[in-house]
Amino acid sequence: MTRPTVGRVVLFTPAKDDTNPVFALYKPPFAALVSYVLSDASVNLMVIDPEGKPVSRTCVRLIRDGDEKPADGRYCEIAKTETMPKGVAA
């Protein structure tokens, strides 16, 4: 199990009724950074909205592979890094 840490990049999916109107215009997920770890399953985030502006979201559920996604759609998951083939510069 990967534990959340401050500064970790996660992918945020807002609630269906999120108050930020910009989230309604674009398809999730959105990039976010963990700003505070509340527990292994709950974090505070600095979400980067599609226009590049920071938006805070608190007490966001962190789901992992195999976890059921919340019905209201408000959660984050740890971003997976892509593996580059050998010999390819990043």
Protein backbone atom coordinates (compact mmCIF):
# COMPACT_ATOMS: atom_id res chain seq x y z
CA MET A 1 0.00 0.00 0.00
CA THR A 2 1.36 3.39 -0.99
CA ARG A 3 0.94 5.87 1.83
CA PRO A 4 0.07 9.45 1.06
CA THR A 5 2.79 12.02 1.65
CA VAL A 6 2.86 15.80 1.46
CA GLY A 7 3.82 16.87 -2.05
CA ARG A 8 2.68 13.66 -3.75
CA VAL A 9 0.92 14.12 -7.07
CA VAL A 10 -2.60 12.70 -7.14
CA LEU A 11 -5.49 12.77 -9.58
CA PHE A 12 -8.61 14.47 -8.25
CA THR A 13 -12.19 13.79 -9.32
CA PRO A 14 -14.59 16.43 -7.98
CA ALA A 15 -18.04 15.75 -6.62
CA LYS A 16 -20.82 15.92 -9.16
CA ASP A 17 -22.13 19.02 -7.36
CA ASP A 18 -18.73 20.71 -6.80
CA THR A 19 -19.07 24.48 -6.38
CA ASN A 20 -16.21 25.35 -8.77
CA PRO A 21 -17.93 26.01 -12.14
CA VAL A 22 -14.69 25.39 -14.06
CA PHE A 23 -14.76 21.71 -13.05
CA ALA A 24 -18.11 21.36 -14.84
CA LEU A 25 -16.57 22.49 -18.14
CA TYR A 26 -13.78 19.89 -18.28
CA LYS A 27 -13.56 16.13 -17.91
CA PRO A 28 -11.78 14.85 -14.77
CA PRO A 29 -9.38 13.84 -13.37
CA PHE A 30 -7.43 16.96 -12.46
CA ALA A 31 -3.84 17.20 -11.21
CA ALA A 32 -3.44 17.89 -7.51
CA LEU A 33 -0.78 17.93 -4.81
CA VAL A 34 -1.27 16.57 -1.32
CA SER A 35 -0.96 19.55 1.02
CA TYR A 36 -1.69 17.68 4.26
CA VAL A 37 -2.20 14.05 5.24
CA LEU A 38 -5.14 13.52 7.58
CA SER A 39 -4.89 9.71 7.53
CA ASP A 40 -3.94 6.89 5.15
CA ALA A 41 -7.36 7.36 3.53
CA SER A 42 -7.96 11.12 3.70
CA VAL A 43 -5.93 14.11 2.49
CA ASN A 44 -6.15 17.84 1.88
CA LEU A 45 -5.33 18.93 -1.67
CA MET A 46 -4.21 21.82 -3.78
CA VAL A 47 -6.01 21.02 -7.02
CA ILE A 48 -4.86 22.64 -10.25
CA ASP A 49 -8.00 23.54 -12.15
CA PRO A 50 -8.05 23.25 -15.96
CA GLU A 51 -7.17 26.94 -16.25
CA GLY A 52 -4.06 26.47 -14.08
CA LYS A 53 -5.47 28.08 -10.94
CA PRO A 54 -5.05 26.46 -7.51
CA VAL A 55 -8.20 25.31 -5.73
CA SER A 56 -8.17 23.81 -2.24
CA ARG A 57 -10.20 20.76 -1.30
CA THR A 58 -10.14 19.29 2.20
CA CYS A 59 -10.87 15.85 3.60
CA VAL A 60 -10.70 14.16 0.20
CA ARG A 61 -10.91 10.37 0.23
CA LEU A 62 -7.82 8.67 -1.19
CA ILE A 63 -8.76 5.50 -3.04
CA ARG A 64 -6.44 2.74 -4.17
CA ASP A 65 -6.65 -0.03 -6.76
CA GLY A 66 -9.60 -2.21 -5.88
CA ASP A 67 -11.35 0.40 -3.72
CA GLU A 68 -14.89 1.31 -4.66
CA LYS A 69 -15.22 4.85 -5.97
CA PRO A 70 -17.56 7.07 -3.91
CA ALA A 71 -21.03 7.51 -5.36
CA ASP A 72 -20.78 11.32 -5.20
CA GLY A 73 -17.59 11.20 -7.30
CA ARG A 74 -15.36 13.14 -4.85
CA TYR A 75 -12.05 11.33 -4.41
CA CYS A 76 -8.40 11.25 -5.43
CA GLU A 77 -6.04 8.51 -6.43
CA ILE A 78 -2.26 8.37 -6.54
CA ALA A 79 -0.99 9.21 -10.01
CA LYS A 80 0.81 6.35 -11.66
CA THR A 81 4.11 7.10 -13.35
CA GLU A 82 4.69 5.90 -16.87
CA THR A 83 7.69 3.69 -17.46
CA MET A 84 9.92 4.84 -20.30
CA PRO A 85 11.49 2.19 -22.53
CA LYS A 86 15.24 1.68 -22.05
CA GLY A 87 17.33 4.14 -24.03
CA VAL A 88 14.59 6.77 -24.28
CA ALA A 89 15.34 10.09 -22.62
CA ALA A 90 12.57 11.64 -20.56
